[in-house]
């Protein structure tokens, strides 16, 4: 079983929001909302996700940008937005997904996620990373 298959299985079995297989072999589950877990991991150690393999419920452009700059190697997403795909491809991150959507919807399910909307046209993912982690 590959690392990606392993984190994907844990994501589904434990109903986690994020599962990370760290480069050192440790696998951890997270249950936070939106991208809070990713931000917390990187605030604690900005190099924590270098070489990691992750499975996440939802990957939009913001999460994709942060994960790309954090050095994640491979990603599985249950839902991925069309705004996230080019970010992952341009940064040579291998990815798989269950469902591709035009955009990530907001919590009220009435329109686009505010973060996806704010950054949808941003060309420099460094801007997204800095603004989201500061």
C-alpha atoms as a PDB file:
ATOM      1  CA  UNK A   1       0.000   0.000   0.000  1.00  0.00           C
ATOM      2  CA  UNK A   2       1.345   3.434  -0.944  1.00  0.00           C
ATOM      3  CA  UNK A   3       1.453   6.335   1.525  1.00  0.00           C
ATOM      4  CA  UNK A   4      -1.292   8.046  -0.477  1.00  0.00           C
ATOM      5  CA  UNK A   5      -3.549   4.979  -0.233  1.00  0.00           C
ATOM      6  CA  UNK A   6      -2.802   4.748   3.479  1.00  0.00           C
ATOM      7  CA  UNK A   7      -3.746   8.373   4.292  1.00  0.00           C
ATOM      8  CA  UNK A   8      -6.783   8.132   2.025  1.00  0.00           C
ATOM      9  CA  UNK A   9      -8.006   5.025   3.900  1.00  0.00           C
ATOM     10  CA  UNK A  10      -7.518   6.729   7.276  1.00  0.00           C
ATOM     11  CA  UNK A  11      -9.363   9.849   6.061  1.00  0.00           C
ATOM     12  CA  UNK A  12     -12.375   7.720   5.157  1.00  0.00           C
ATOM     13  CA  UNK A  13     -12.249   5.268   8.083  1.00  0.00           C
ATOM     14  CA  UNK A  14     -11.820   7.879  10.820  1.00  0.00           C
ATOM     15  CA  UNK A  15     -13.848  10.616   9.104  1.00  0.00           C
ATOM     16  CA  UNK A  16     -10.945  13.010   9.681  1.00  0.00           C
ATOM     17  CA  UNK A  17     -10.754  16.319   7.828  1.00  0.00           C
ATOM     18  CA  UNK A  18      -7.010  15.953   7.156  1.00  0.00           C
ATOM     19  CA  UNK A  19      -4.511  13.088   7.410  1.00  0.00           C
ATOM     20  CA  UNK A  20      -0.782  13.755   7.096  1.00  0.00           C
ATOM     21  CA  UNK A  21       1.941  11.188   6.493  1.00  0.00           C
ATOM     22  CA  UNK A  22       5.003  13.138   7.546  1.00  0.00           C
ATOM     23  CA  UNK A  23       8.352  12.508   5.894  1.00  0.00           C
ATOM     24  CA  UNK A  24       9.633  10.878   9.124  1.00  0.00           C
ATOM     25  CA  UNK A  25       6.954   8.173   8.774  1.00  0.00           C
ATOM     26  CA  UNK A  26       4.569   9.499  11.425  1.00  0.00           C
ATOM     27  CA  UNK A  27       0.900   9.646  10.408  1.00  0.00           C
ATOM     28  CA  UNK A  28      -1.493  12.031  12.166  1.00  0.00           C
ATOM     29  CA  UNK A  29      -5.190  12.753  11.821  1.00  0.00           C
ATOM     30  CA  UNK A  30      -6.765  16.176  12.212  1.00  0.00           C
ATOM     31  CA  UNK A  31     -10.379  17.167  12.680  1.00  0.00           C
ATOM     32  CA  UNK A  32     -10.405  20.977  12.372  1.00  0.00           C
ATOM     33  CA  UNK A  33     -12.465  23.183  10.114  1.00  0.00           C
ATOM     34  CA  UNK A  34     -11.429  24.471   6.718  1.00  0.00           C
ATOM     35  CA  UNK A  35      -7.663  25.068   6.532  1.00  0.00           C
ATOM     36  CA  UNK A  36      -7.084  25.697  10.240  1.00  0.00           C
ATOM     37  CA  UNK A  37      -5.185  22.427  10.768  1.00  0.00           C
ATOM     38  CA  UNK A  38      -2.795  23.164   7.904  1.00  0.00           C
ATOM     39  CA  UNK A  39      -2.179  26.679   9.219  1.00  0.00           C
ATOM     40  CA  UNK A  40      -1.586  25.404  12.773  1.00  0.00           C
ATOM     41  CA  UNK A  41       0.876  22.742  11.603  1.00  0.00           C
ATOM     42  CA  UNK A  42       2.896  25.334   9.672  1.00  0.00           C
ATOM     43  CA  UNK A  43       2.773  27.976  12.408  1.00  0.00           C
ATOM     44  CA  UNK A  44       4.303  25.437  14.774  1.00  0.00           C
ATOM     45  CA  UNK A  45       6.968  24.366  12.242  1.00  0.00           C
ATOM     46  CA  UNK A  46       7.128  25.916   8.769  1.00  0.00           C
ATOM     47  CA  UNK A  47       9.042  22.863   7.473  1.00  0.00           C
ATOM     48  CA  UNK A  48       6.692  20.243   8.945  1.00  0.00           C
ATOM     49  CA  UNK A  49       4.985  19.394   5.652  1.00  0.00           C
ATOM     50  CA  UNK A  50       8.101  19.134   3.458  1.00  0.00           C
ATOM     51  CA  UNK A  51       7.868  15.805   1.649  1.00  0.00           C
ATOM     52  CA  UNK A  52       4.543  14.943   3.303  1.00  0.00           C
ATOM     53  CA  UNK A  53       1.714  12.998   1.717  1.00  0.00           C
ATOM     54  CA  UNK A  54      -1.743  14.191   2.692  1.00  0.00           C
ATOM     55  CA  UNK A  55      -5.407  13.352   2.320  1.00  0.00           C
ATOM     56  CA  UNK A  56      -7.880  16.192   2.816  1.00  0.00           C
ATOM     57  CA  UNK A  57     -11.651  16.529   2.526  1.00  0.00           C
ATOM     58  CA  UNK A  58     -11.456  19.753   0.492  1.00  0.00           C
ATOM     59  CA  UNK A  59      -8.638  21.401  -1.459  1.00  0.00           C
ATOM     60  CA  UNK A  60      -9.289  24.827  -2.918  1.00  0.00           C
ATOM     61  CA  UNK A  61      -6.814  27.329  -4.303  1.00  0.00           C
ATOM     62  CA  UNK A  62      -5.831  28.642  -0.860  1.00  0.00           C
ATOM     63  CA  UNK A  63      -5.089  25.202   0.617  1.00  0.00           C
ATOM     64  CA  UNK A  64      -3.379  24.117  -2.609  1.00  0.00           C
ATOM     65  CA  UNK A  65      -1.173  27.217  -2.588  1.00  0.00           C
ATOM     66  CA  UNK A  66      -0.178  26.801   1.057  1.00  0.00           C
ATOM     67  CA  UNK A  67       0.525  23.080   0.622  1.00  0.00           C
ATOM     68  CA  UNK A  68       2.558  23.705  -2.542  1.00  0.00           C
ATOM     69  CA  UNK A  69       4.821  26.226  -0.814  1.00  0.00           C
ATOM     70  CA  UNK A  70       5.011  24.028   2.293  1.00  0.00           C
ATOM     71  CA  UNK A  71       6.623  21.312   0.164  1.00  0.00           C
ATOM     72  CA  UNK A  72       3.915  18.636   0.192  1.00  0.00           C
ATOM     73  CA  UNK A  73       4.784  15.826  -2.204  1.00  0.00           C
ATOM     74  CA  UNK A  74       1.403  14.237  -2.869  1.00  0.00           C
ATOM     75  CA  UNK A  75      -2.258  15.068  -2.186  1.00  0.00           C
ATOM     76  CA  UNK A  76      -5.579  13.252  -2.222  1.00  0.00           C
ATOM     77  CA  UNK A  77      -8.742  15.363  -1.985  1.00  0.00           C
ATOM     78  CA  UNK A  78     -12.324  14.223  -1.724  1.00  0.00           C
ATOM     79  CA  UNK A  79     -13.249  17.542  -3.375  1.00  0.00           C
ATOM     80  CA  UNK A  80     -10.868  19.729  -5.369  1.00  0.00           C
ATOM     81  CA  UNK A  81     -11.642  23.041  -7.040  1.00  0.00           C
ATOM     82  CA  UNK A  82     -10.739  23.986 -10.584  1.00  0.00           C
ATOM     83  CA  UNK A  83      -8.768  26.880  -9.080  1.00  0.00           C
ATOM     84  CA  UNK A  84      -6.538  24.473  -7.118  1.00  0.00           C
ATOM     85  CA  UNK A  85      -5.611  22.157  -9.991  1.00  0.00           C
ATOM     86  CA  UNK A  86      -3.285  24.566 -11.887  1.00  0.00           C
ATOM     87  CA  UNK A  87      -1.513  25.474  -8.629  1.00  0.00           C
ATOM     88  CA  UNK A  88      -0.745  21.813  -7.933  1.00  0.00           C
ATOM     89  CA  UNK A  89       0.273  21.131 -11.540  1.00  0.00           C
ATOM     90  CA  UNK A  90       2.533  24.188 -11.794  1.00  0.00           C
ATOM     91  CA  UNK A  91       4.266  23.109  -8.589  1.00  0.00           C
ATOM     92  CA  UNK A  92       4.648  19.473  -9.702  1.00  0.00           C
ATOM     93  CA  UNK A  93       2.549  18.037  -6.890  1.00  0.00           C
ATOM     94  CA  UNK A  94       1.058  14.658  -7.636  1.00  0.00           C
ATOM     95  CA  UNK A  95      -2.643  14.666  -6.797  1.00  0.00           C
ATOM     96  CA  UNK A  96      -5.758  12.523  -6.911  1.00  0.00           C
ATOM     97  CA  UNK A  97      -9.337  13.490  -6.199  1.00  0.00           C
ATOM     98  CA  UNK A  98     -12.812  12.065  -5.891  1.00  0.00           C
ATOM     99  CA  UNK A  99     -14.759  15.073  -7.242  1.00  0.00           C
ATOM    100  CA  UNK A 100     -13.630  18.173  -9.117  1.00  0.00           C
ATOM    101  CA  UNK A 101     -15.838  21.235  -8.688  1.00  0.00           C
ATOM    102  CA  UNK A 102     -15.801  24.673 -10.272  1.00  0.00           C
ATOM    103  CA  UNK A 103     -15.128  26.290  -6.882  1.00  0.00           C
ATOM    104  CA  UNK A 104     -15.319  25.586  -3.155  1.00  0.00           C
ATOM    105  CA  UNK A 105     -18.665  26.642  -1.732  1.00  0.00           C
ATOM    106  CA  UNK A 106     -19.120  28.653   1.443  1.00  0.00           C
ATOM    107  CA  UNK A 107     -20.379  27.121   4.701  1.00  0.00           C
ATOM    108  CA  UNK A 108     -23.926  28.375   4.058  1.00  0.00           C
ATOM    109  CA  UNK A 109     -23.857  26.703   0.629  1.00  0.00           C
ATOM    110  CA  UNK A 110     -25.007  29.945  -0.985  1.00  0.00           C
ATOM    111  CA  UNK A 111     -21.981  30.763  -3.125  1.00  0.00           C
ATOM    112  CA  UNK A 112     -18.211  30.708  -3.390  1.00  0.00           C
ATOM    113  CA  UNK A 113     -16.034  30.276  -0.310  1.00  0.00           C
ATOM    114  CA  UNK A 114     -14.826  33.774   0.677  1.00  0.00           C
ATOM    115  CA  UNK A 115     -11.162  32.713   0.649  1.00  0.00           C
ATOM    116  CA  UNK A 116     -11.453  31.051  -2.764  1.00  0.00           C
ATOM    117  CA  UNK A 117     -13.227  34.153  -4.069  1.00  0.00           C
ATOM    118  CA  UNK A 118     -10.631  36.538  -2.620  1.00  0.00           C
ATOM    119  CA  UNK A 119      -7.674  34.703  -4.162  1.00  0.00           C
ATOM    120  CA  UNK A 120      -9.166  33.124  -7.293  1.00  0.00           C
ATOM    121  CA  UNK A 121      -7.343  35.544  -9.611  1.00  0.00           C
ATOM    122  CA  UNK A 122      -4.117  35.838  -7.563  1.00  0.00           C
ATOM    123  CA  UNK A 123      -1.188  34.680  -9.702  1.00  0.00           C
ATOM    124  CA  UNK A 124       1.457  34.701  -6.948  1.00  0.00           C
ATOM    125  CA  UNK A 125       0.850  31.903  -4.452  1.00  0.00           C
ATOM    126  CA  UNK A 126       3.451  33.474  -2.159  1.00  0.00           C
ATOM    127  CA  UNK A 127       0.949  36.285  -1.515  1.00  0.00           C
ATOM    128  CA  UNK A 128      -1.692  33.757  -0.456  1.00  0.00           C
ATOM    129  CA  UNK A 129       0.766  31.907   1.774  1.00  0.00           C
ATOM    130  CA  UNK A 130       1.999  35.056   3.529  1.00  0.00           C
ATOM    131  CA  UNK A 131      -1.466  36.523   4.062  1.00  0.00           C
ATOM    132  CA  UNK A 132      -2.951  33.259   5.353  1.00  0.00           C
ATOM    133  CA  UNK A 133      -0.118  32.388   7.722  1.00  0.00           C
ATOM    134  CA  UNK A 134       0.502  35.851   9.195  1.00  0.00           C
END
